[in-house]
N, C-alpha and C. Protein backbone atom coordinates (compact mmCIF):
# COMPACT_ATOMS: atom_id res chain seq x y z
N MET A 1 5.55 -32.81 -4.97
CA MET A 1 5.38 -31.48 -5.22
C MET A 1 6.69 -30.74 -4.39
N GLY A 2 7.04 -29.59 -5.11
CA GLY A 2 7.96 -28.79 -4.59
C GLY A 2 7.76 -28.06 -3.46
N ASN A 3 8.75 -27.53 -2.96
CA ASN A 3 8.59 -26.57 -1.82
C ASN A 3 8.04 -25.39 -2.44
N PRO A 4 6.98 -24.73 -1.95
CA PRO A 4 6.35 -23.52 -2.37
C PRO A 4 7.32 -22.43 -2.47
N ASP A 5 8.20 -22.22 -1.50
CA ASP A 5 9.20 -21.01 -1.45
C ASP A 5 10.06 -21.32 -2.51
N THR A 6 10.55 -22.63 -2.84
CA THR A 6 11.45 -22.75 -3.91
C THR A 6 10.92 -22.41 -5.23
N THR A 7 9.49 -22.97 -5.25
CA THR A 7 8.84 -22.71 -6.58
C THR A 7 8.72 -21.22 -6.92
N ALA A 8 8.55 -20.58 -5.82
CA ALA A 8 8.35 -19.12 -5.80
C ALA A 8 9.73 -18.46 -6.27
N SER A 9 10.64 -18.89 -5.66
CA SER A 9 12.15 -18.36 -6.05
C SER A 9 12.40 -18.63 -7.44
N ASN A 10 11.99 -19.75 -7.95
CA ASN A 10 12.32 -20.13 -9.20
C ASN A 10 11.60 -19.17 -10.12
N ALA A 11 10.40 -19.00 -9.88
CA ALA A 11 9.70 -18.08 -10.93
C ALA A 11 9.98 -16.78 -10.95
N ALA A 12 10.59 -16.26 -9.53
CA ALA A 12 10.78 -14.66 -9.79
C ALA A 12 12.24 -14.39 -9.92
N ALA A 13 13.17 -15.42 -9.95
CA ALA A 13 14.70 -15.39 -9.79
C ALA A 13 15.01 -14.57 -11.08
N GLU A 14 15.79 -13.23 -10.79
CA GLU A 14 16.09 -12.54 -11.90
C GLU A 14 15.09 -11.78 -12.71
N ARG A 15 13.81 -12.08 -12.47
CA ARG A 15 12.79 -11.13 -13.06
C ARG A 15 12.78 -9.90 -12.96
N ARG A 16 12.37 -9.02 -13.58
CA ARG A 16 12.32 -7.57 -13.41
C ARG A 16 10.73 -7.12 -13.19
N VAL A 17 10.62 -6.68 -12.10
CA VAL A 17 9.13 -6.43 -11.77
C VAL A 17 9.02 -4.84 -11.18
N ILE A 18 8.11 -4.23 -11.88
CA ILE A 18 7.58 -2.84 -11.32
C ILE A 18 6.55 -2.95 -10.62
N VAL A 19 6.68 -2.17 -9.17
CA VAL A 19 5.45 -2.21 -8.45
C VAL A 19 5.20 -0.87 -8.32
N GLY A 20 3.79 -0.46 -8.80
CA GLY A 20 3.47 0.92 -8.49
C GLY A 20 2.30 1.14 -7.53
N LEU A 21 2.52 2.20 -6.81
CA LEU A 21 1.64 2.36 -5.67
C LEU A 21 1.01 3.62 -5.71
N SER A 22 -0.31 3.69 -5.56
CA SER A 22 -1.18 5.02 -5.66
C SER A 22 -1.64 5.20 -4.11
N GLY A 23 -2.20 6.34 -3.80
CA GLY A 23 -2.34 6.97 -2.74
C GLY A 23 -3.53 6.25 -1.83
N GLY A 24 -3.16 5.40 -0.91
CA GLY A 24 -4.09 4.75 0.07
C GLY A 24 -3.44 4.21 1.21
N ILE A 25 -4.26 4.00 2.30
CA ILE A 25 -3.57 3.39 3.51
C ILE A 25 -2.99 1.96 3.43
N ALA A 26 -3.74 1.26 2.36
CA ALA A 26 -3.22 -0.09 2.17
C ALA A 26 -1.84 0.00 1.60
N CYS A 27 -1.27 1.05 1.34
CA CYS A 27 0.37 1.13 0.88
C CYS A 27 1.15 0.18 1.83
N TYR A 28 0.72 0.13 3.17
CA TYR A 28 1.59 -0.44 4.09
C TYR A 28 1.69 -1.94 3.61
N LYS A 29 0.60 -2.59 3.27
CA LYS A 29 0.61 -4.05 3.06
C LYS A 29 1.53 -4.41 1.69
N VAL A 30 1.70 -3.43 1.09
CA VAL A 30 2.58 -3.57 -0.31
C VAL A 30 3.99 -3.68 0.15
N ALA A 31 4.58 -3.39 1.24
CA ALA A 31 5.91 -3.57 1.80
C ALA A 31 6.24 -4.90 1.95
N GLN A 32 5.19 -5.84 2.29
CA GLN A 32 5.45 -7.11 2.44
C GLN A 32 5.65 -7.82 1.12
N VAL A 33 4.64 -7.50 0.20
CA VAL A 33 4.85 -7.93 -1.15
C VAL A 33 6.27 -7.58 -1.85
N VAL A 34 6.66 -6.37 -1.64
CA VAL A 34 8.00 -5.91 -2.19
C VAL A 34 9.14 -6.85 -1.60
N SER A 35 9.06 -6.93 -0.29
CA SER A 35 10.15 -7.55 0.48
C SER A 35 10.18 -9.21 0.08
N ARG A 36 8.98 -9.71 0.01
CA ARG A 36 9.11 -11.15 -0.44
C ARG A 36 9.50 -11.29 -1.94
N LEU A 37 9.23 -10.56 -2.78
CA LEU A 37 9.52 -10.56 -4.20
C LEU A 37 11.02 -10.39 -4.29
N ALA A 38 11.61 -9.47 -3.41
CA ALA A 38 13.01 -9.26 -3.50
C ALA A 38 13.80 -10.61 -2.87
N GLN A 39 13.16 -11.04 -1.85
CA GLN A 39 13.70 -12.27 -1.17
C GLN A 39 13.82 -13.54 -2.15
N ALA A 40 12.82 -13.46 -3.04
CA ALA A 40 12.67 -14.62 -4.03
C ALA A 40 13.74 -14.36 -5.19
N GLY A 41 14.44 -13.23 -5.26
CA GLY A 41 15.29 -13.17 -6.33
C GLY A 41 15.00 -12.18 -7.54
N ALA A 42 13.70 -11.55 -7.24
CA ALA A 42 13.25 -10.54 -8.29
C ALA A 42 14.09 -9.20 -8.25
N GLN A 43 14.09 -8.59 -9.37
CA GLN A 43 14.71 -7.21 -9.27
C GLN A 43 13.45 -6.14 -9.35
N VAL A 44 13.16 -5.75 -8.15
CA VAL A 44 12.03 -4.97 -7.99
C VAL A 44 12.18 -3.39 -8.01
N THR A 45 11.57 -2.92 -9.04
CA THR A 45 11.65 -1.42 -9.03
C THR A 45 10.09 -0.86 -8.61
N VAL A 46 10.41 0.22 -7.57
CA VAL A 46 9.25 0.72 -7.00
C VAL A 46 8.83 2.05 -7.57
N ALA A 47 7.46 2.44 -7.82
CA ALA A 47 7.37 3.82 -8.38
C ALA A 47 5.99 4.16 -7.47
N MET A 48 6.06 5.37 -7.06
CA MET A 48 5.01 5.82 -5.98
C MET A 48 4.45 7.21 -6.61
N THR A 49 3.09 7.20 -6.56
CA THR A 49 2.47 8.71 -6.78
C THR A 49 2.81 9.44 -5.56
N GLU A 50 2.54 10.78 -5.58
CA GLU A 50 3.06 11.78 -4.64
C GLU A 50 1.93 11.44 -3.56
N ALA A 51 0.78 10.90 -3.62
CA ALA A 51 -0.20 10.63 -2.64
C ALA A 51 0.29 9.43 -1.83
N ALA A 52 0.92 8.48 -2.67
CA ALA A 52 1.35 7.23 -1.91
C ALA A 52 2.52 7.59 -0.89
N THR A 53 3.28 8.50 -1.00
CA THR A 53 4.45 8.81 -0.20
C THR A 53 4.01 9.30 0.95
N ARG A 54 2.66 9.77 0.91
CA ARG A 54 1.96 10.36 2.37
C ARG A 54 1.67 9.30 3.24
N PHE A 55 1.61 8.00 2.83
CA PHE A 55 1.16 7.02 3.61
C PHE A 55 2.46 6.10 4.07
N VAL A 56 3.44 5.97 3.09
CA VAL A 56 4.54 5.06 3.47
C VAL A 56 5.72 5.76 2.78
N THR A 57 6.90 5.89 3.35
CA THR A 57 7.96 6.61 2.86
C THR A 57 8.71 5.86 1.63
N PRO A 58 9.10 6.51 0.62
CA PRO A 58 10.08 5.96 -0.24
C PRO A 58 11.05 5.23 0.23
N LEU A 59 11.75 5.82 1.14
CA LEU A 59 12.92 5.09 1.91
C LEU A 59 12.57 3.61 2.40
N THR A 60 11.27 3.25 2.80
CA THR A 60 10.86 2.22 3.14
C THR A 60 11.13 1.17 2.16
N PHE A 61 10.55 1.51 0.86
CA PHE A 61 10.61 0.71 -0.36
C PHE A 61 12.13 0.61 -0.92
N GLN A 62 12.88 1.66 -0.64
CA GLN A 62 14.13 1.55 -1.05
C GLN A 62 14.94 0.46 -0.25
N ALA A 63 14.75 0.58 0.99
CA ALA A 63 15.48 -0.52 1.98
C ALA A 63 14.91 -2.08 1.62
N LEU A 64 13.70 -2.09 1.33
CA LEU A 64 13.13 -3.47 0.93
C LEU A 64 13.54 -4.04 -0.41
N SER A 65 13.58 -3.15 -1.20
CA SER A 65 13.92 -3.60 -2.78
C SER A 65 15.25 -3.42 -3.17
N GLY A 66 16.18 -2.72 -2.16
CA GLY A 66 17.51 -2.61 -2.51
C GLY A 66 17.72 -1.58 -3.77
N ARG A 67 16.79 -0.92 -4.30
CA ARG A 67 16.70 -0.04 -5.57
C ARG A 67 16.15 1.14 -5.28
N ALA A 68 16.52 2.16 -6.11
CA ALA A 68 16.07 3.50 -6.02
C ALA A 68 14.49 3.53 -6.22
N VAL A 69 13.86 4.33 -5.74
CA VAL A 69 12.35 4.53 -5.87
C VAL A 69 12.05 5.81 -6.61
N TYR A 70 10.97 5.58 -7.82
CA TYR A 70 10.81 6.53 -8.54
C TYR A 70 9.32 7.24 -8.00
N CYS A 71 9.34 8.55 -7.73
CA CYS A 71 8.33 9.19 -7.03
C CYS A 71 7.93 10.45 -8.04
N SER A 72 8.44 10.70 -9.03
CA SER A 72 8.13 11.81 -10.02
C SER A 72 8.50 11.32 -11.49
N PRO A 73 7.68 11.90 -12.55
CA PRO A 73 7.90 11.67 -13.78
C PRO A 73 9.14 12.20 -14.11
N TRP A 74 9.53 13.13 -13.45
CA TRP A 74 10.83 13.91 -13.88
C TRP A 74 12.19 13.22 -13.19
N ASP A 75 11.99 12.29 -12.44
CA ASP A 75 13.13 11.53 -11.84
C ASP A 75 14.03 10.85 -12.96
N HIS A 76 15.24 11.01 -12.86
CA HIS A 76 16.19 10.39 -13.89
C HIS A 76 17.22 9.72 -13.00
N ILE A 77 16.90 8.57 -12.25
CA ILE A 77 17.92 7.95 -11.56
C ILE A 77 19.06 7.18 -12.25
N GLU A 78 18.49 6.46 -13.33
CA GLU A 78 19.44 5.94 -14.29
C GLU A 78 19.87 6.74 -15.40
N SER A 79 20.62 6.12 -16.22
CA SER A 79 21.14 7.08 -17.27
C SER A 79 20.34 7.08 -18.67
N GLN A 80 19.20 6.01 -18.60
CA GLN A 80 18.44 5.92 -19.79
C GLN A 80 17.44 7.18 -19.99
N ASP A 81 17.10 7.59 -21.08
CA ASP A 81 16.25 8.69 -21.27
C ASP A 81 15.32 8.30 -22.55
N PRO A 82 13.90 8.57 -22.55
CA PRO A 82 13.19 8.81 -21.61
C PRO A 82 13.15 7.76 -20.36
N GLN A 83 13.15 8.02 -19.07
CA GLN A 83 13.03 7.07 -17.99
C GLN A 83 12.01 5.99 -18.20
N HIS A 84 10.88 6.63 -18.18
CA HIS A 84 9.73 5.60 -18.13
C HIS A 84 9.68 4.66 -19.35
N ILE A 85 10.17 5.02 -20.39
CA ILE A 85 10.18 3.92 -21.41
C ILE A 85 11.29 2.87 -21.22
N SER A 86 12.48 3.36 -20.57
CA SER A 86 13.50 2.23 -20.51
C SER A 86 13.12 1.27 -19.37
N LEU A 87 12.64 1.84 -18.34
CA LEU A 87 11.96 1.04 -17.20
C LEU A 87 10.81 -0.03 -17.69
N ALA A 88 9.87 0.69 -18.33
CA ALA A 88 8.75 -0.24 -18.88
C ALA A 88 9.46 -1.48 -20.03
N ARG A 89 10.21 -0.90 -20.70
CA ARG A 89 10.49 -1.96 -21.81
C ARG A 89 11.60 -3.08 -21.16
N ALA A 90 12.21 -2.84 -20.02
CA ALA A 90 12.90 -3.94 -19.43
C ALA A 90 12.09 -4.81 -18.42
N ALA A 91 10.88 -4.37 -18.03
CA ALA A 91 9.98 -5.02 -16.96
C ALA A 91 9.45 -6.50 -17.64
N ASP A 92 9.41 -7.41 -16.76
CA ASP A 92 8.82 -8.71 -17.17
C ASP A 92 7.35 -8.57 -16.70
N LEU A 93 7.12 -7.60 -15.83
CA LEU A 93 5.79 -7.65 -15.09
C LEU A 93 5.60 -6.04 -14.43
N MET A 94 4.21 -5.56 -14.47
CA MET A 94 4.08 -4.47 -13.60
C MET A 94 2.80 -4.85 -12.81
N LEU A 95 2.96 -4.38 -11.56
CA LEU A 95 1.82 -4.60 -10.50
C LEU A 95 1.56 -3.14 -10.10
N ILE A 96 0.21 -2.93 -9.91
CA ILE A 96 -0.18 -1.56 -9.28
C ILE A 96 -0.99 -2.16 -8.05
N ALA A 97 -0.40 -1.70 -6.88
CA ALA A 97 -1.09 -2.06 -5.63
C ALA A 97 -0.69 -1.00 -4.62
N PRO A 98 -1.48 -0.30 -3.80
CA PRO A 98 -2.97 -0.38 -4.20
C PRO A 98 -3.36 0.62 -5.41
N CYS A 99 -4.33 0.13 -6.10
CA CYS A 99 -4.92 0.91 -7.07
C CYS A 99 -6.32 1.41 -6.71
N THR A 100 -6.14 2.85 -6.69
CA THR A 100 -7.18 3.61 -6.06
C THR A 100 -8.25 3.85 -7.25
N MET A 101 -9.50 4.35 -6.79
CA MET A 101 -10.35 4.70 -7.90
C MET A 101 -10.02 5.69 -8.91
N ASP A 102 -9.24 6.70 -8.27
CA ASP A 102 -8.50 7.62 -9.42
C ASP A 102 -7.51 7.16 -10.41
N MET A 103 -6.68 5.97 -9.73
CA MET A 103 -5.72 5.25 -10.76
C MET A 103 -6.31 4.47 -11.60
N LEU A 104 -7.54 3.82 -11.29
CA LEU A 104 -8.42 2.98 -12.33
C LEU A 104 -8.80 3.77 -13.42
N ALA A 105 -9.19 4.94 -12.99
CA ALA A 105 -9.59 6.06 -14.13
C ALA A 105 -8.53 6.40 -14.92
N ARG A 106 -7.29 6.73 -14.39
CA ARG A 106 -6.21 7.24 -15.17
C ARG A 106 -5.84 6.18 -16.26
N LEU A 107 -5.73 4.98 -15.65
CA LEU A 107 -5.26 3.71 -16.66
C LEU A 107 -6.15 3.64 -17.79
N VAL A 108 -7.56 3.64 -17.32
CA VAL A 108 -8.53 3.46 -18.37
C VAL A 108 -8.46 4.61 -19.36
N HIS A 109 -8.35 5.81 -19.06
CA HIS A 109 -8.39 7.05 -19.95
C HIS A 109 -7.11 7.41 -20.50
N GLY A 110 -6.01 6.61 -20.17
CA GLY A 110 -4.92 7.07 -20.75
C GLY A 110 -4.21 8.19 -20.17
N ARG A 111 -4.55 8.64 -19.08
CA ARG A 111 -3.77 9.87 -18.50
C ARG A 111 -2.36 9.44 -17.96
N THR A 112 -1.63 10.32 -18.01
CA THR A 112 -0.22 9.97 -17.61
C THR A 112 0.63 10.89 -16.91
N ASP A 113 -0.22 11.65 -15.84
CA ASP A 113 0.17 12.76 -15.20
C ASP A 113 0.91 12.29 -13.75
N ASP A 114 1.33 11.07 -13.58
CA ASP A 114 2.11 10.81 -12.52
C ASP A 114 3.11 9.80 -12.84
N VAL A 115 3.93 9.38 -12.27
CA VAL A 115 4.95 8.48 -12.33
C VAL A 115 4.43 6.93 -12.65
N VAL A 116 3.43 6.79 -11.83
CA VAL A 116 2.92 5.15 -12.05
C VAL A 116 2.10 4.98 -13.35
N SER A 117 1.17 6.03 -13.60
CA SER A 117 0.52 5.83 -14.74
C SER A 117 1.25 6.04 -16.11
N LEU A 118 2.54 6.86 -15.84
CA LEU A 118 3.32 7.04 -17.04
C LEU A 118 3.88 5.79 -17.29
N ILE A 119 4.65 5.09 -16.36
CA ILE A 119 5.17 3.97 -16.71
C ILE A 119 4.31 2.66 -17.19
N ALA A 120 3.08 2.93 -16.57
CA ALA A 120 2.16 1.85 -17.11
C ALA A 120 1.72 2.07 -18.45
N SER A 121 1.82 3.28 -18.84
CA SER A 121 1.40 3.61 -20.45
C SER A 121 2.41 2.92 -21.41
N ALA A 122 3.62 2.87 -20.87
CA ALA A 122 4.69 2.45 -21.72
C ALA A 122 4.78 0.89 -21.51
N VAL A 123 4.28 0.15 -20.88
CA VAL A 123 4.43 -1.21 -20.70
C VAL A 123 3.42 -1.89 -21.93
N ASP A 124 3.95 -2.70 -22.60
CA ASP A 124 3.28 -3.51 -23.60
C ASP A 124 2.39 -4.45 -22.91
N TRP A 125 0.92 -4.24 -22.69
CA TRP A 125 0.19 -5.12 -21.95
C TRP A 125 -0.04 -6.46 -22.81
N SER A 126 0.39 -6.43 -24.01
CA SER A 126 0.21 -7.56 -24.74
C SER A 126 1.25 -8.64 -24.50
N ARG A 127 2.24 -8.30 -23.97
CA ARG A 127 3.27 -9.39 -23.85
C ARG A 127 3.94 -9.25 -22.38
N GLN A 128 3.58 -8.07 -21.57
CA GLN A 128 4.10 -7.87 -20.30
C GLN A 128 2.91 -8.01 -19.32
N PRO A 129 2.76 -8.76 -18.57
CA PRO A 129 1.49 -8.95 -17.65
C PRO A 129 1.49 -7.70 -16.70
N MET A 130 0.15 -6.92 -16.70
CA MET A 130 -0.30 -5.92 -16.00
C MET A 130 -1.26 -6.47 -15.04
N LEU A 131 -0.98 -6.19 -13.74
CA LEU A 131 -1.77 -6.61 -12.57
C LEU A 131 -2.09 -5.49 -11.65
N VAL A 132 -3.28 -5.35 -11.39
CA VAL A 132 -3.97 -4.36 -10.76
C VAL A 132 -4.60 -4.79 -9.48
N ALA A 133 -4.34 -4.12 -8.32
CA ALA A 133 -5.17 -4.79 -7.13
C ALA A 133 -5.79 -3.45 -6.52
N PRO A 134 -7.13 -3.45 -6.88
CA PRO A 134 -7.89 -2.27 -6.27
C PRO A 134 -7.86 -2.20 -4.78
N SER A 135 -8.02 -0.81 -4.36
CA SER A 135 -8.33 -0.70 -2.95
C SER A 135 -9.04 0.58 -2.54
N MET A 136 -10.28 0.38 -1.98
CA MET A 136 -11.01 1.65 -1.94
C MET A 136 -12.27 1.32 -1.02
N ASN A 137 -12.92 2.50 -0.52
CA ASN A 137 -14.08 2.37 0.36
C ASN A 137 -15.20 1.53 -0.54
N GLU A 138 -16.18 0.78 0.11
CA GLU A 138 -16.89 -0.11 -0.40
C GLU A 138 -17.96 0.68 -1.35
N VAL A 139 -18.39 1.89 -0.94
CA VAL A 139 -19.04 2.68 -1.93
C VAL A 139 -18.38 3.08 -3.20
N MET A 140 -17.11 3.45 -2.96
CA MET A 140 -16.44 3.87 -4.05
C MET A 140 -16.07 2.57 -5.15
N TRP A 141 -15.99 1.51 -4.50
CA TRP A 141 -15.70 0.30 -5.37
C TRP A 141 -17.11 -0.08 -6.17
N ASN A 142 -18.13 0.13 -5.56
CA ASN A 142 -19.37 -0.21 -6.30
C ASN A 142 -19.99 0.81 -6.97
N GLN A 143 -19.24 1.90 -7.15
CA GLN A 143 -19.84 3.05 -7.92
C GLN A 143 -19.83 2.44 -9.46
N PRO A 144 -20.70 2.98 -10.28
CA PRO A 144 -20.86 2.39 -11.72
C PRO A 144 -19.55 2.83 -12.41
N ALA A 145 -18.98 3.94 -12.14
CA ALA A 145 -17.63 4.34 -12.74
C ALA A 145 -16.53 3.31 -12.48
N SER A 146 -16.25 3.07 -11.05
CA SER A 146 -15.50 2.01 -10.74
C SER A 146 -15.57 0.54 -11.41
N GLN A 147 -16.70 0.20 -11.46
CA GLN A 147 -17.10 -1.15 -12.14
C GLN A 147 -16.91 -0.92 -13.70
N ARG A 148 -17.27 0.06 -14.39
CA ARG A 148 -16.97 0.32 -15.90
C ARG A 148 -15.53 0.27 -16.10
N ASN A 149 -14.71 0.96 -15.35
CA ASN A 149 -13.23 1.07 -15.38
C ASN A 149 -12.72 -0.41 -15.27
N VAL A 150 -13.21 -1.21 -14.21
CA VAL A 150 -12.46 -2.48 -13.84
C VAL A 150 -12.89 -3.48 -15.00
N ALA A 151 -13.88 -3.25 -15.64
CA ALA A 151 -14.43 -4.00 -16.76
C ALA A 151 -13.74 -3.66 -18.05
N GLN A 152 -13.34 -2.54 -18.27
CA GLN A 152 -12.51 -2.00 -19.36
C GLN A 152 -11.08 -2.54 -19.44
N LEU A 153 -10.46 -2.17 -17.99
CA LEU A 153 -8.96 -2.85 -17.79
C LEU A 153 -9.08 -4.41 -18.27
N ARG A 154 -9.98 -5.14 -17.80
CA ARG A 154 -10.09 -6.62 -18.20
C ARG A 154 -10.02 -6.83 -19.61
N ALA A 155 -10.85 -5.99 -20.29
CA ALA A 155 -11.17 -6.09 -21.60
C ALA A 155 -9.75 -5.67 -22.47
N ASP A 156 -9.01 -4.96 -21.73
CA ASP A 156 -7.73 -4.30 -22.22
C ASP A 156 -6.57 -5.32 -21.98
N GLY A 157 -6.91 -6.28 -21.27
CA GLY A 157 -5.86 -7.36 -21.14
C GLY A 157 -5.17 -7.29 -19.67
N CYS A 158 -5.72 -6.48 -18.83
CA CYS A 158 -5.06 -6.40 -17.38
C CYS A 158 -5.71 -7.42 -16.51
N GLU A 159 -5.03 -7.89 -15.59
CA GLU A 159 -5.56 -8.95 -14.52
C GLU A 159 -6.04 -8.14 -13.21
N ILE A 160 -7.14 -8.32 -12.81
CA ILE A 160 -7.49 -7.70 -11.69
C ILE A 160 -7.47 -8.61 -10.49
N ILE A 161 -6.74 -8.15 -9.51
CA ILE A 161 -6.62 -9.01 -8.09
C ILE A 161 -7.67 -8.30 -7.35
N GLU A 162 -8.80 -9.16 -7.04
CA GLU A 162 -10.04 -8.57 -6.48
C GLU A 162 -9.72 -8.18 -5.16
N PRO A 163 -10.51 -7.21 -4.79
CA PRO A 163 -10.46 -6.68 -3.46
C PRO A 163 -11.36 -7.71 -2.47
N THR A 164 -10.94 -7.48 -1.17
CA THR A 164 -11.69 -8.41 -0.25
C THR A 164 -12.59 -7.68 0.65
N GLU A 165 -13.47 -8.49 1.38
CA GLU A 165 -14.40 -7.90 2.28
C GLU A 165 -13.77 -7.73 3.84
N GLY A 166 -14.25 -6.78 4.34
CA GLY A 166 -13.62 -6.74 5.78
C GLY A 166 -13.74 -5.22 6.30
N TRP A 167 -12.87 -5.05 7.65
CA TRP A 167 -12.73 -3.89 8.20
C TRP A 167 -12.04 -2.81 7.30
N GLN A 168 -12.64 -1.61 7.08
CA GLN A 168 -12.09 -0.50 6.26
C GLN A 168 -11.67 0.83 7.12
N ALA A 169 -10.63 1.51 6.54
CA ALA A 169 -10.09 2.53 7.32
C ALA A 169 -11.03 3.49 7.47
N CYS A 170 -12.40 3.52 6.92
CA CYS A 170 -13.25 4.40 7.16
C CYS A 170 -14.30 4.19 8.16
N ARG A 171 -13.70 3.01 8.76
CA ARG A 171 -14.65 2.62 9.96
C ARG A 171 -15.92 1.75 9.78
N THR A 172 -15.92 1.19 8.47
CA THR A 172 -17.08 0.58 8.12
C THR A 172 -16.47 -1.14 7.71
N GLU A 173 -17.41 -2.01 7.50
CA GLU A 173 -17.18 -3.33 7.04
C GLU A 173 -17.77 -3.23 5.51
N GLY A 174 -17.08 -3.96 4.76
CA GLY A 174 -17.39 -4.15 3.43
C GLY A 174 -16.39 -4.50 2.27
N ILE A 175 -16.72 -4.67 1.24
CA ILE A 175 -15.79 -5.10 0.04
C ILE A 175 -15.02 -3.77 -0.22
N GLY A 176 -13.83 -3.98 -0.64
CA GLY A 176 -13.08 -2.82 -1.07
C GLY A 176 -11.46 -3.04 -0.62
N ARG A 177 -11.47 -3.79 0.43
CA ARG A 177 -10.18 -3.87 1.04
C ARG A 177 -8.95 -4.50 -0.05
N LEU A 178 -7.72 -4.02 0.08
CA LEU A 178 -6.70 -4.35 -0.71
C LEU A 178 -6.61 -5.94 -0.45
N ALA A 179 -6.42 -6.96 -1.54
CA ALA A 179 -6.02 -8.38 -1.26
C ALA A 179 -4.97 -8.37 -0.28
N GLU A 180 -5.05 -9.61 0.41
CA GLU A 180 -3.79 -9.76 1.30
C GLU A 180 -2.49 -9.96 0.48
N PRO A 181 -1.25 -9.64 1.12
CA PRO A 181 -0.17 -9.97 0.51
C PRO A 181 0.04 -11.34 -0.23
N ASP A 182 -0.48 -12.33 0.56
CA ASP A 182 -0.19 -13.67 0.13
C ASP A 182 -1.01 -13.92 -1.38
N ALA A 183 -2.22 -13.23 -1.34
CA ALA A 183 -3.01 -13.42 -2.71
C ALA A 183 -2.33 -12.64 -3.75
N ILE A 184 -1.90 -11.47 -3.35
CA ILE A 184 -1.19 -10.67 -4.49
C ILE A 184 0.05 -11.40 -4.95
N LEU A 185 0.83 -11.96 -4.25
CA LEU A 185 2.10 -12.71 -4.41
C LEU A 185 1.76 -13.96 -5.27
N ASP A 186 0.71 -14.61 -4.88
CA ASP A 186 0.21 -15.70 -5.61
C ASP A 186 0.15 -15.38 -7.18
N ALA A 187 -0.84 -14.33 -7.20
CA ALA A 187 -1.10 -13.81 -8.65
C ALA A 187 0.41 -13.38 -9.35
N VAL A 188 1.11 -12.61 -8.93
CA VAL A 188 2.32 -12.21 -9.38
C VAL A 188 3.14 -13.47 -9.87
N MET A 189 3.17 -14.29 -8.85
CA MET A 189 4.03 -15.57 -9.09
C MET A 189 3.51 -16.55 -10.22
N SER A 190 2.34 -16.50 -10.35
CA SER A 190 1.76 -17.36 -11.31
C SER A 190 1.85 -16.78 -12.72
N LYS A 191 1.87 -15.54 -12.93
CA LYS A 191 2.25 -14.76 -13.97
C LYS A 191 3.63 -15.00 -14.37
N LEU A 192 4.47 -14.77 -13.46
CA LEU A 192 5.86 -14.81 -13.61
C LEU A 192 6.17 -16.41 -14.30
N ALA A 193 5.59 -17.37 -13.52
CA ALA A 193 5.94 -18.56 -14.02
C ALA A 193 5.53 -19.11 -15.24
N ALA A 194 4.63 -18.38 -15.65
CA ALA A 194 4.11 -18.60 -17.11
C ALA A 194 4.82 -17.88 -18.27
N LEU A 195 5.90 -16.98 -17.65
CA LEU A 195 6.49 -16.10 -18.85
C LEU A 195 7.77 -17.27 -19.38
N THR A 196 7.85 -17.14 -20.52
CA THR A 196 8.92 -17.68 -21.08
C THR A 196 10.41 -17.15 -20.71
N ARG A 197 11.36 -17.99 -20.50
CA ARG A 197 12.65 -17.55 -20.08
C ARG A 197 13.45 -17.28 -21.38
N PRO A 198 14.12 -16.22 -21.55
CA PRO A 198 14.99 -16.04 -22.79
C PRO A 198 15.85 -16.97 -22.98
């Protein structure tokens, strides 16, 4: 069996991955995901909702990815126009983590009024893996609306990286914590490894 780090690097090398963050304290965990993807050779582009930037700064992700971070639908960091179409078309995979209750609803209902959902709307889920890692309070996770939205996203071809149980920022224990970075990376690497190289 090969070295896991070598296997990961082989799967991620030169792959173009978009990581979208929506607003939640779990944004801090995603810094490790971005860093390890970049170390494995992936070209990581980060997009953040305005709420996400209140938890971790875009500069953090720019430093970790080595690339500009998109924080507004109106950003035109590269020359392509419209920007969200060119980013989505070039991507091998998109990950949204943390994915809040609000972002789940946006994805299901086709709302595109923030940069993350806008890029996601332009990704072809039939050929480009879309992974979503929910993160929210236990009551919010168990709401019928959240469960309906998760079921719909699965039906639409999205892979859900299940939240875990444990201590939450609201000072309670329960399910809804963002999956740990290792679990998120395993899911991403598995999808990248399955993609056909051009």
